[in-house]
Amino acid sequence: MNVRSILERKGADVATIGVDASLADAAALLRDRRIGALVVTPDRSTIAGIVSERDVVRAVASHGASALGREITSVMTSNVRTCSPGDSVERLMELMTEHRIRHLPVADDAGKLAGIISIGDVVKARVNQLHIENQALAEYIHQGT
């Protein structure tokens, strides 16, 4: 299973926010969409950064409520790790574990935003893989008896 197959199941819709938005705008969008991260983009296809609910919490914990008035670009991660449609679930697990991240924007061959994968998507895909492998083993064992 790879990123492309995950996106085919879940859809390629990505919650984005503009580069001129405030942290309060991001917090409201995260709440309203019930998601953990937003891709920051000037045009809905160029990846300028990513902001997560953890980034919001860190900013408010460090700067108080005034942090909510800050520009999103001052809080976002600008060196964004991405994955590609052909990446395997195993590769996603490696990236997320190595870099301690929960969301990976998907970039197409031109580097444009094509989707987003969360740790929940990865876990769901891996559980599905294990279920399929378990069924295949059970059928193999059953045929041998």
Protein backbone atom coordinates (compact mmCIF):
# COMPACT_ATOMS: atom_id res chain seq x y z
CA MET A 1 0.00 0.00 0.00
CA ASN A 2 1.25 3.47 -0.84
CA VAL A 3 0.29 7.13 -0.47
CA ARG A 4 -1.67 7.10 -3.73
CA SER A 5 -3.91 4.26 -2.52
CA ILE A 6 -4.47 5.97 0.84
CA LEU A 7 -5.53 9.18 -0.92
CA GLU A 8 -7.85 7.23 -3.22
CA ARG A 9 -9.65 5.92 -0.14
CA LYS A 10 -9.74 9.06 1.98
CA GLY A 11 -9.76 11.71 -0.72
CA ALA A 12 -7.19 14.35 -1.57
CA ASP A 13 -8.95 17.26 0.15
CA VAL A 14 -6.44 19.29 2.15
CA ALA A 15 -7.32 21.92 4.72
CA THR A 16 -5.21 24.97 3.90
CA ILE A 17 -4.76 28.45 5.25
CA GLY A 18 -3.32 31.53 3.58
CA VAL A 19 0.07 32.96 4.43
CA ASP A 20 -1.53 36.20 5.65
CA ALA A 21 -3.77 34.48 8.24
CA SER A 22 -3.40 34.86 11.99
CA LEU A 23 -2.83 32.14 14.54
CA ALA A 24 -6.41 32.75 15.74
CA ASP A 25 -7.64 32.03 12.19
CA ALA A 26 -5.67 28.78 12.21
CA ALA A 27 -6.97 27.75 15.64
CA ALA A 28 -10.57 28.37 14.54
CA LEU A 29 -10.11 26.39 11.32
CA LEU A 30 -8.46 23.50 13.18
CA ARG A 31 -11.39 23.47 15.61
CA ASP A 32 -14.08 23.79 12.96
CA ARG A 33 -12.63 21.09 10.69
CA ARG A 34 -11.70 18.85 13.67
CA ILE A 35 -8.21 18.30 12.30
CA GLY A 36 -4.67 18.49 13.62
CA ALA A 37 -2.81 20.44 10.95
CA LEU A 38 -3.18 22.97 8.15
CA VAL A 39 -0.97 23.44 5.13
CA VAL A 40 0.02 27.09 4.81
CA THR A 41 -0.11 28.15 1.17
CA PRO A 42 -0.38 31.34 -0.85
CA ASP A 43 -2.33 29.67 -3.66
CA ARG A 44 -3.66 26.26 -2.47
CA SER A 45 -0.91 24.43 -4.37
CA THR A 46 2.45 25.82 -3.21
CA ILE A 47 3.52 24.49 0.19
CA ALA A 48 4.85 27.42 2.23
CA GLY A 49 4.58 25.71 5.60
CA ILE A 50 2.49 23.64 7.98
CA VAL A 51 0.94 24.58 11.29
CA SER A 52 -0.35 22.03 13.78
CA GLU A 53 -2.46 22.17 16.90
CA ARG A 54 0.78 21.64 18.82
CA ASP A 55 2.22 24.80 17.24
CA VAL A 56 -0.83 26.74 18.45
CA VAL A 57 -0.46 25.38 21.99
CA ARG A 58 3.28 26.14 22.07
CA ALA A 59 2.76 29.72 20.89
CA VAL A 60 0.01 30.43 23.42
CA ALA A 61 1.99 28.79 26.22
CA SER A 62 5.04 30.92 25.36
CA HIS A 63 3.37 34.25 24.56
CA GLY A 64 -0.06 34.10 26.16
CA ALA A 65 -3.30 35.03 24.42
CA SER A 66 -1.53 37.74 22.42
CA ALA A 67 0.02 34.93 20.36
CA LEU A 68 -3.33 34.48 18.64
CA GLY A 69 -2.80 37.81 16.87
CA ARG A 70 0.52 36.72 15.40
CA GLU A 71 0.89 35.94 11.72
CA ILE A 72 0.76 32.26 10.89
CA THR A 73 4.15 32.53 9.17
CA SER A 74 5.79 33.31 12.51
CA VAL A 75 4.56 30.05 14.02
CA MET A 76 4.46 27.58 11.12
CA THR A 77 7.13 25.05 10.24
CA SER A 78 8.57 26.30 6.96
CA ASN A 79 10.99 23.44 6.30
CA VAL A 80 8.15 21.03 5.57
CA ARG A 81 8.77 17.33 5.22
CA THR A 82 6.65 15.92 2.42
CA CYS A 83 5.93 12.55 0.89
CA SER A 84 5.12 11.56 -2.68
CA PRO A 85 2.23 9.49 -4.07
CA GLY A 86 4.50 6.49 -4.64
CA ASP A 87 5.87 6.34 -1.08
CA SER A 88 5.04 3.18 0.87
CA VAL A 89 3.30 3.02 4.23
CA GLU A 90 6.59 1.78 5.67
CA ARG A 91 8.35 4.91 4.36
CA LEU A 92 5.67 7.11 5.94
CA MET A 93 6.18 5.35 9.28
CA GLU A 94 9.93 5.95 9.02
CA LEU A 95 9.51 9.66 8.22
CA MET A 96 6.93 10.27 10.93
CA THR A 97 8.93 8.41 13.56
CA GLU A 98 12.32 9.87 12.63
CA HIS A 99 11.08 13.46 12.53
CA ARG A 100 8.43 13.13 15.27
CA ILE A 101 5.64 14.46 13.08
CA ARG A 102 2.00 13.49 12.69
CA HIS A 103 1.15 15.02 9.31
CA LEU A 104 2.88 14.82 5.94
CA PRO A 105 1.71 16.91 3.00
CA VAL A 106 1.80 14.99 -0.27
CA ALA A 107 3.70 16.73 -3.07
CA ASP A 108 3.33 15.70 -6.69
CA ASP A 109 6.24 15.48 -9.14
CA ALA A 110 6.12 19.27 -9.62
CA GLY A 111 6.26 19.86 -5.86
CA LYS A 112 2.62 20.99 -5.73
CA LEU A 113 0.23 20.06 -2.92
CA ALA A 114 -1.64 16.84 -3.78
CA GLY A 115 -2.99 15.72 -0.39
CA ILE A 116 -2.07 15.18 3.23
CA ILE A 117 -1.44 12.02 5.24
CA SER A 118 -1.93 11.87 9.00
CA ILE A 119 -0.59 9.34 11.46
CA GLY A 120 -4.17 8.03 11.74
CA ASP A 121 -4.22 7.38 7.99
CA VAL A 122 -0.95 5.47 8.28
CA VAL A 123 -2.19 3.36 11.19
CA LYS A 124 -5.43 2.57 9.36
CA ALA A 125 -3.52 1.56 6.22
CA ARG A 126 -1.11 -0.62 8.20
CA VAL A 127 -3.95 -2.35 10.07
CA ASN A 128 -5.61 -3.01 6.70
CA GLN A 129 -2.34 -4.48 5.34
CA LEU A 130 -2.02 -6.76 8.37
CA HIS A 131 -5.63 -7.89 8.02
CA ILE A 132 -5.06 -8.83 4.36
CA GLU A 133 -1.83 -10.67 5.23
CA ASN A 134 -3.62 -12.51 8.06
CA GLN A 135 -6.41 -13.61 5.71
CA ALA A 136 -3.89 -14.84 3.13
CA LEU A 137 -2.02 -16.85 5.76
CA ALA A 138 -5.24 -18.34 7.11
CA GLU A 139 -6.28 -19.39 3.59
CA TYR A 140 -2.84 -20.89 2.96
CA ILE A 141 -2.95 -22.87 6.19
CA HIS A 142 -6.53 -24.00 5.55
CA GLN A 143 -5.60 -25.25 2.05
CA GLY A 144 -2.80 -27.34 3.52
CA THR A 145 -5.11 -29.26 5.87
